[in-house]
Amino acid sequence: MPMTSAQIEADLREAFPDADIHIEDLAGDGDHYRARIVSNAFDGLSRVRQHQLVYQALKGKVGGALHALALETSAPQRN
């Protein structure tokens, strides 16, 4: 059963409460999403490590209930 964008955001919000999160359903089918996440939790981490944290936050749902997820992660810009 596909996940809704609200379910994805809820899991991400639990792991990254400070984050600016935007979820986009790419195909309108509830199976292919893009997530843009900006969080202080990503500060100083490689892109690979940032994505690993996101996968952990989604609790093993990627590849199952969540078929495809394109990730865009970053730490907030510092002035």
N, C-alpha and C. Protein backbone atom coordinates (compact mmCIF):
# COMPACT_ATOMS: atom_id res chain seq x y z
N MET A 1 0.86 -1.19 0.00
CA MET A 1 0.00 0.00 0.00
C MET A 1 0.89 1.24 0.00
N PRO A 2 0.67 2.16 -0.92
CA PRO A 2 1.50 3.38 -1.02
C PRO A 2 1.39 4.27 0.21
N MET A 3 2.41 5.08 0.41
CA MET A 3 2.41 6.07 1.49
C MET A 3 1.90 7.40 0.97
N THR A 4 1.27 8.17 1.83
CA THR A 4 0.87 9.52 1.46
C THR A 4 2.01 10.48 1.78
N SER A 5 1.98 11.64 1.17
CA SER A 5 2.99 12.64 1.47
C SER A 5 2.92 13.05 2.95
N ALA A 6 1.73 13.05 3.52
CA ALA A 6 1.58 13.39 4.94
C ALA A 6 2.26 12.34 5.83
N GLN A 7 2.19 11.07 5.47
CA GLN A 7 2.86 10.02 6.23
C GLN A 7 4.38 10.17 6.15
N ILE A 8 4.87 10.47 4.97
CA ILE A 8 6.31 10.67 4.78
C ILE A 8 6.76 11.85 5.62
N GLU A 9 6.03 12.95 5.52
CA GLU A 9 6.41 14.15 6.27
C GLU A 9 6.36 13.89 7.78
N ALA A 10 5.38 13.15 8.25
CA ALA A 10 5.29 12.87 9.68
C ALA A 10 6.52 12.10 10.17
N ASP A 11 6.96 11.09 9.42
CA ASP A 11 8.16 10.35 9.81
C ASP A 11 9.39 11.25 9.80
N LEU A 12 9.50 12.09 8.78
CA LEU A 12 10.65 12.99 8.68
C LEU A 12 10.61 14.05 9.78
N ARG A 13 9.44 14.57 10.07
CA ARG A 13 9.29 15.60 11.10
C ARG A 13 9.67 15.05 12.48
N GLU A 14 9.36 13.78 12.73
CA GLU A 14 9.72 13.15 13.99
C GLU A 14 11.25 13.11 14.15
N ALA A 15 11.96 12.81 13.08
CA ALA A 15 13.41 12.70 13.13
C ALA A 15 14.11 14.05 13.04
N PHE A 16 13.50 14.99 12.32
CA PHE A 16 14.11 16.30 12.07
C PHE A 16 13.10 17.40 12.41
N PRO A 17 12.83 17.62 13.71
CA PRO A 17 11.78 18.57 14.10
C PRO A 17 12.06 20.01 13.68
N ASP A 18 13.32 20.38 13.46
CA ASP A 18 13.65 21.75 13.08
C ASP A 18 13.59 21.96 11.57
N ALA A 19 13.36 20.91 10.81
CA ALA A 19 13.56 20.94 9.36
C ALA A 19 12.48 21.71 8.60
N ASP A 20 12.91 22.23 7.48
CA ASP A 20 12.01 22.75 6.45
C ASP A 20 11.84 21.59 5.47
N ILE A 21 10.64 21.03 5.39
CA ILE A 21 10.40 19.81 4.61
C ILE A 21 9.34 20.09 3.54
N HIS A 22 9.65 19.70 2.32
CA HIS A 22 8.70 19.79 1.21
C HIS A 22 8.66 18.43 0.52
N ILE A 23 7.46 17.86 0.40
CA ILE A 23 7.27 16.57 -0.24
C ILE A 23 6.45 16.80 -1.51
N GLU A 24 6.91 16.22 -2.61
CA GLU A 24 6.22 16.35 -3.89
C GLU A 24 5.96 14.96 -4.46
N ASP A 25 4.72 14.68 -4.82
CA ASP A 25 4.36 13.43 -5.47
C ASP A 25 4.65 13.60 -6.96
N LEU A 26 5.69 12.95 -7.44
CA LEU A 26 6.18 13.18 -8.79
C LEU A 26 5.29 12.62 -9.89
N ALA A 27 4.61 11.51 -9.62
CA ALA A 27 3.82 10.87 -10.66
C ALA A 27 2.32 10.87 -10.37
N GLY A 28 1.94 11.36 -9.20
CA GLY A 28 0.53 11.38 -8.84
C GLY A 28 0.00 10.01 -8.46
N ASP A 29 0.91 9.06 -8.22
CA ASP A 29 0.49 7.70 -7.93
C ASP A 29 0.74 7.25 -6.50
N GLY A 30 1.29 8.15 -5.66
CA GLY A 30 1.57 7.80 -4.29
C GLY A 30 2.75 6.86 -4.13
N ASP A 31 3.54 6.68 -5.18
CA ASP A 31 4.68 5.77 -5.14
C ASP A 31 6.02 6.44 -5.45
N HIS A 32 5.98 7.62 -6.05
CA HIS A 32 7.20 8.29 -6.49
C HIS A 32 7.21 9.72 -5.96
N TYR A 33 8.12 9.98 -5.02
CA TYR A 33 8.15 11.28 -4.36
C TYR A 33 9.53 11.93 -4.46
N ARG A 34 9.52 13.24 -4.27
CA ARG A 34 10.75 14.01 -4.05
C ARG A 34 10.59 14.66 -2.69
N ALA A 35 11.65 14.56 -1.89
CA ALA A 35 11.66 15.21 -0.58
C ALA A 35 12.82 16.19 -0.54
N ARG A 36 12.50 17.44 -0.21
CA ARG A 36 13.52 18.46 0.02
C ARG A 36 13.52 18.74 1.52
N ILE A 37 14.68 18.51 2.14
CA ILE A 37 14.79 18.63 3.59
C ILE A 37 15.99 19.50 3.93
N VAL A 38 15.74 20.58 4.65
CA VAL A 38 16.81 21.45 5.13
C VAL A 38 16.77 21.38 6.65
N SER A 39 17.87 20.88 7.23
CA SER A 39 17.88 20.67 8.68
C SER A 39 19.27 20.91 9.24
N ASN A 40 19.31 21.45 10.46
CA ASN A 40 20.58 21.61 11.17
C ASN A 40 21.25 20.26 11.42
N ALA A 41 20.48 19.19 11.44
CA ALA A 41 21.03 17.85 11.67
C ALA A 41 22.02 17.46 10.57
N PHE A 42 21.94 18.10 9.42
CA PHE A 42 22.81 17.76 8.29
C PHE A 42 24.10 18.58 8.26
N ASP A 43 24.24 19.53 9.16
CA ASP A 43 25.40 20.42 9.16
C ASP A 43 26.69 19.62 9.30
N GLY A 44 27.60 19.81 8.37
CA GLY A 44 28.90 19.17 8.39
C GLY A 44 28.92 17.73 7.92
N LEU A 45 27.78 17.19 7.51
CA LEU A 45 27.71 15.81 7.05
C LEU A 45 27.79 15.72 5.54
N SER A 46 28.35 14.63 5.06
CA SER A 46 28.38 14.39 3.61
C SER A 46 26.96 14.14 3.12
N ARG A 47 26.77 14.29 1.84
CA ARG A 47 25.44 14.05 1.24
C ARG A 47 25.01 12.60 1.49
N VAL A 48 25.95 11.68 1.38
CA VAL A 48 25.64 10.27 1.62
C VAL A 48 25.13 10.07 3.05
N ARG A 49 25.81 10.65 4.02
CA ARG A 49 25.39 10.51 5.43
C ARG A 49 24.03 11.17 5.66
N GLN A 50 23.79 12.32 5.03
CA GLN A 50 22.49 12.99 5.14
C GLN A 50 21.39 12.05 4.66
N HIS A 51 21.60 11.42 3.53
CA HIS A 51 20.59 10.53 2.96
C HIS A 51 20.41 9.28 3.82
N GLN A 52 21.48 8.79 4.42
CA GLN A 52 21.36 7.65 5.33
C GLN A 52 20.46 8.01 6.51
N LEU A 53 20.61 9.22 7.04
CA LEU A 53 19.76 9.65 8.16
C LEU A 53 18.29 9.71 7.74
N VAL A 54 18.04 10.16 6.52
CA VAL A 54 16.66 10.21 6.03
C VAL A 54 16.09 8.80 5.90
N TYR A 55 16.86 7.88 5.33
CA TYR A 55 16.39 6.49 5.21
C TYR A 55 16.10 5.89 6.58
N GLN A 56 16.95 6.18 7.56
CA GLN A 56 16.70 5.69 8.92
C GLN A 56 15.40 6.26 9.47
N ALA A 57 15.16 7.54 9.20
CA ALA A 57 13.94 8.20 9.69
C ALA A 57 12.69 7.57 9.09
N LEU A 58 12.80 7.04 7.89
CA LEU A 58 11.65 6.44 7.22
C LEU A 58 11.46 4.97 7.60
N LYS A 59 12.28 4.50 8.51
CA LYS A 59 12.07 3.21 9.19
C LYS A 59 11.89 2.03 8.25
N GLY A 60 12.74 1.95 7.24
CA GLY A 60 12.72 0.79 6.34
C GLY A 60 11.60 0.79 5.33
N LYS A 61 10.89 1.89 5.16
CA LYS A 61 9.75 1.92 4.23
C LYS A 61 10.18 2.15 2.78
N VAL A 62 11.38 2.68 2.57
CA VAL A 62 11.85 2.92 1.20
C VAL A 62 12.11 1.57 0.54
N GLY A 63 11.52 1.39 -0.63
CA GLY A 63 11.63 0.12 -1.33
C GLY A 63 10.46 -0.81 -1.02
N GLY A 64 9.66 -0.44 -0.03
CA GLY A 64 8.47 -1.22 0.32
C GLY A 64 7.24 -0.35 0.10
N ALA A 65 6.71 0.19 1.20
CA ALA A 65 5.53 1.06 1.11
C ALA A 65 5.84 2.31 0.30
N LEU A 66 7.09 2.71 0.31
CA LEU A 66 7.53 3.89 -0.44
C LEU A 66 8.44 3.41 -1.56
N HIS A 67 7.91 3.34 -2.77
CA HIS A 67 8.62 2.74 -3.89
C HIS A 67 9.86 3.53 -4.31
N ALA A 68 9.72 4.84 -4.50
CA ALA A 68 10.84 5.65 -4.98
C ALA A 68 10.84 7.01 -4.30
N LEU A 69 12.03 7.44 -3.89
CA LEU A 69 12.17 8.72 -3.21
C LEU A 69 13.43 9.42 -3.70
N ALA A 70 13.25 10.56 -4.36
CA ALA A 70 14.38 11.41 -4.74
C ALA A 70 14.64 12.36 -3.59
N LEU A 71 15.88 12.44 -3.15
CA LEU A 71 16.21 13.28 -2.00
C LEU A 71 17.04 14.49 -2.38
N GLU A 72 16.70 15.60 -1.76
CA GLU A 72 17.50 16.82 -1.81
C GLU A 72 17.65 17.26 -0.36
N THR A 73 18.85 17.12 0.17
CA THR A 73 19.08 17.44 1.59
C THR A 73 20.17 18.49 1.71
N SER A 74 20.06 19.30 2.76
CA SER A 74 21.11 20.29 3.03
C SER A 74 20.91 20.85 4.43
N ALA A 75 21.98 21.48 4.90
CA ALA A 75 21.92 22.25 6.14
C ALA A 75 21.51 23.67 5.76
N PRO A 76 20.96 24.44 6.70
CA PRO A 76 20.59 25.82 6.38
C PRO A 76 21.83 26.63 6.00
N GLN A 77 21.64 27.60 5.12
CA GLN A 77 22.72 28.50 4.73
C GLN A 77 23.09 29.38 5.90
N ARG A 78 24.38 29.57 6.09
CA ARG A 78 24.87 30.44 7.16
C ARG A 78 25.31 31.75 6.53
N ASN A 79 25.01 32.86 7.20
CA ASN A 79 25.44 34.17 6.71
C ASN A 79 26.73 34.60 7.34
